[in-house]
Protein backbone atom coordinates (compact mmCIF):
# COMPACT_ATOMS: atom_id res chain seq x y z
CA MET A 1 20.48 8.20 4.75
CA ILE A 2 20.10 11.13 7.11
CA SER A 3 23.14 13.25 7.74
CA CYS A 4 23.60 16.11 10.14
CA GLY A 5 21.25 18.99 9.28
CA LYS A 6 19.81 17.28 6.20
CA VAL A 7 16.41 15.72 5.61
CA GLN A 8 16.13 12.32 3.93
CA THR A 9 14.56 12.65 0.47
CA ASN A 10 13.78 10.27 -2.37
CA LYS A 11 15.14 10.33 -5.93
CA GLU A 12 12.68 13.10 -6.89
CA GLY A 13 13.84 15.23 -3.95
CA LYS A 14 10.62 14.71 -1.97
CA VAL A 15 10.55 14.08 1.76
CA ASP A 16 9.28 10.59 2.64
CA LEU A 17 5.64 10.45 3.74
CA PHE A 18 6.51 9.13 7.21
CA TYR A 19 9.73 11.08 7.85
CA VAL A 20 9.75 12.11 11.58
CA TYR A 21 6.43 10.33 12.32
CA LEU A 22 7.63 6.76 12.90
CA LYS A 23 9.22 5.85 16.21
CA CYS A 24 10.20 2.68 18.01
CA ARG A 25 7.92 1.76 20.95
CA GLU A 26 10.80 -0.08 22.58
CA CYS A 27 13.68 2.43 22.51
CA GLY A 28 12.05 5.67 21.27
CA SER A 29 14.35 5.96 18.25
CA LYS A 30 13.04 7.18 14.90
CA PHE A 31 12.64 4.73 12.04
CA THR A 32 14.74 4.86 8.88
CA LYS A 33 13.64 3.76 5.41
CA ALA A 34 15.43 1.13 3.36
CA GLY A 35 13.64 0.17 0.14
CA LYS A 36 10.01 -0.69 0.92
CA TYR A 37 10.63 -1.13 4.66
CA TYR A 38 11.17 1.05 7.72
CA TYR A 39 13.56 -0.11 10.46
CA CYS A 40 14.35 1.04 14.00
CA ASN A 41 17.26 3.48 13.67
CA ASN A 42 18.95 2.14 16.83
CA TYR A 43 18.90 -1.38 15.46
CA ALA A 44 20.08 -0.27 12.02
CA ARG A 45 23.01 1.71 13.41
CA THR A 46 24.14 -0.09 16.55
CA CYS A 47 22.01 -3.25 16.99
CA SER A 48 21.03 -1.85 20.40
CA CYS A 49 17.34 -2.59 19.91
CA THR A 50 15.43 -5.61 18.63
CA LYS A 51 15.21 -6.17 14.90
CA HIS A 52 11.80 -5.07 13.75
CA SER A 53 10.47 -3.42 10.65
CA THR A 54 7.28 -2.58 8.83
CA ASN A 55 6.34 -2.64 5.18
CA ARG A 56 5.49 0.79 3.71
CA GLU A 57 2.40 -0.34 1.75
CA ASN A 58 0.95 -2.26 4.71
CA LEU A 59 1.55 0.76 6.94
CA ILE A 60 -0.25 3.08 4.51
CA LYS A 61 -3.26 0.71 4.33
CA TYR A 62 -3.39 0.42 8.13
CA ILE A 63 -3.25 4.19 8.66
CA GLU A 64 -5.91 4.81 6.02
CA ARG A 65 -8.23 2.29 7.75
CA GLU A 66 -7.61 3.90 11.14
CA LEU A 67 -8.27 7.44 9.85
CA LYS A 68 -11.46 6.26 8.16
CA ALA A 69 -12.59 4.57 11.40
CA LYS A 70 -12.12 7.94 13.16
CA HIS A 71 -14.19 9.63 10.42
CA ILE A 72 -11.26 11.78 9.32
CA LYS A 73 -11.86 12.88 5.73
CA TYR A 74 -9.10 13.60 3.25
CA ASP A 75 -8.47 13.19 -0.49
CA GLU A 76 -5.18 11.28 -0.27
CA LEU A 77 -2.82 10.32 2.52
CA ASN A 78 -0.01 12.89 2.47
CA ARG A 79 2.28 14.75 4.87
CA GLN A 80 -0.34 17.50 5.41
CA VAL A 81 -2.90 14.94 6.63
CA LEU A 82 -0.32 13.39 8.95
CA PHE A 83 0.72 16.84 10.25
CA GLU A 84 -2.88 17.82 10.92
CA TYR A 85 -4.01 14.71 12.81
CA ILE A 86 -1.10 12.52 13.89
CA LYS A 87 1.46 13.19 16.63
CA ASP A 88 3.51 10.07 15.89
CA ILE A 89 3.25 6.43 14.86
CA ALA A 90 4.87 3.94 17.24
CA ILE A 91 5.96 0.55 15.98
CA SER A 92 6.98 -2.34 18.21
CA GLU A 93 8.32 -5.82 17.68
CA ASN A 94 6.06 -7.94 15.45
CA SER A 95 5.17 -4.72 13.57
CA VAL A 96 2.44 -3.73 16.02
CA VAL A 97 1.45 -0.17 15.14
CA LYS A 98 0.00 2.41 17.54
CA ILE A 99 -1.07 5.78 16.18
CA ASN A 100 -0.85 8.67 18.64
CA TYR A 101 -3.26 11.38 17.50
CA LYS A 102 -2.96 15.09 18.15
CA SER A 103 -5.57 16.38 20.56
CA ARG A 104 -8.37 18.14 18.69
CA LYS A 105 -10.05 21.23 20.12
């Protein structure tokens, strides 16, 4: 879990691919990872939002399709690709995903 001033990492000490990119479309909270799923942080901590989640592998496939549709070329989906093109990824109830892209000059 995330604690004050610390970044959530996996067993190898790497930052999760979607850390800081996923947000709830309903309450604006960030998403937290538990196993293969991401959950609304507000729901996970206080149940003050609806219960919704998204599967990591399905999310990766969706984002890869969307980037390809926008003709964005990259070798593999990683944090650098997300940083370069994506502002945030909003997830709502029923796992509806909306990618907000950074404006390109």
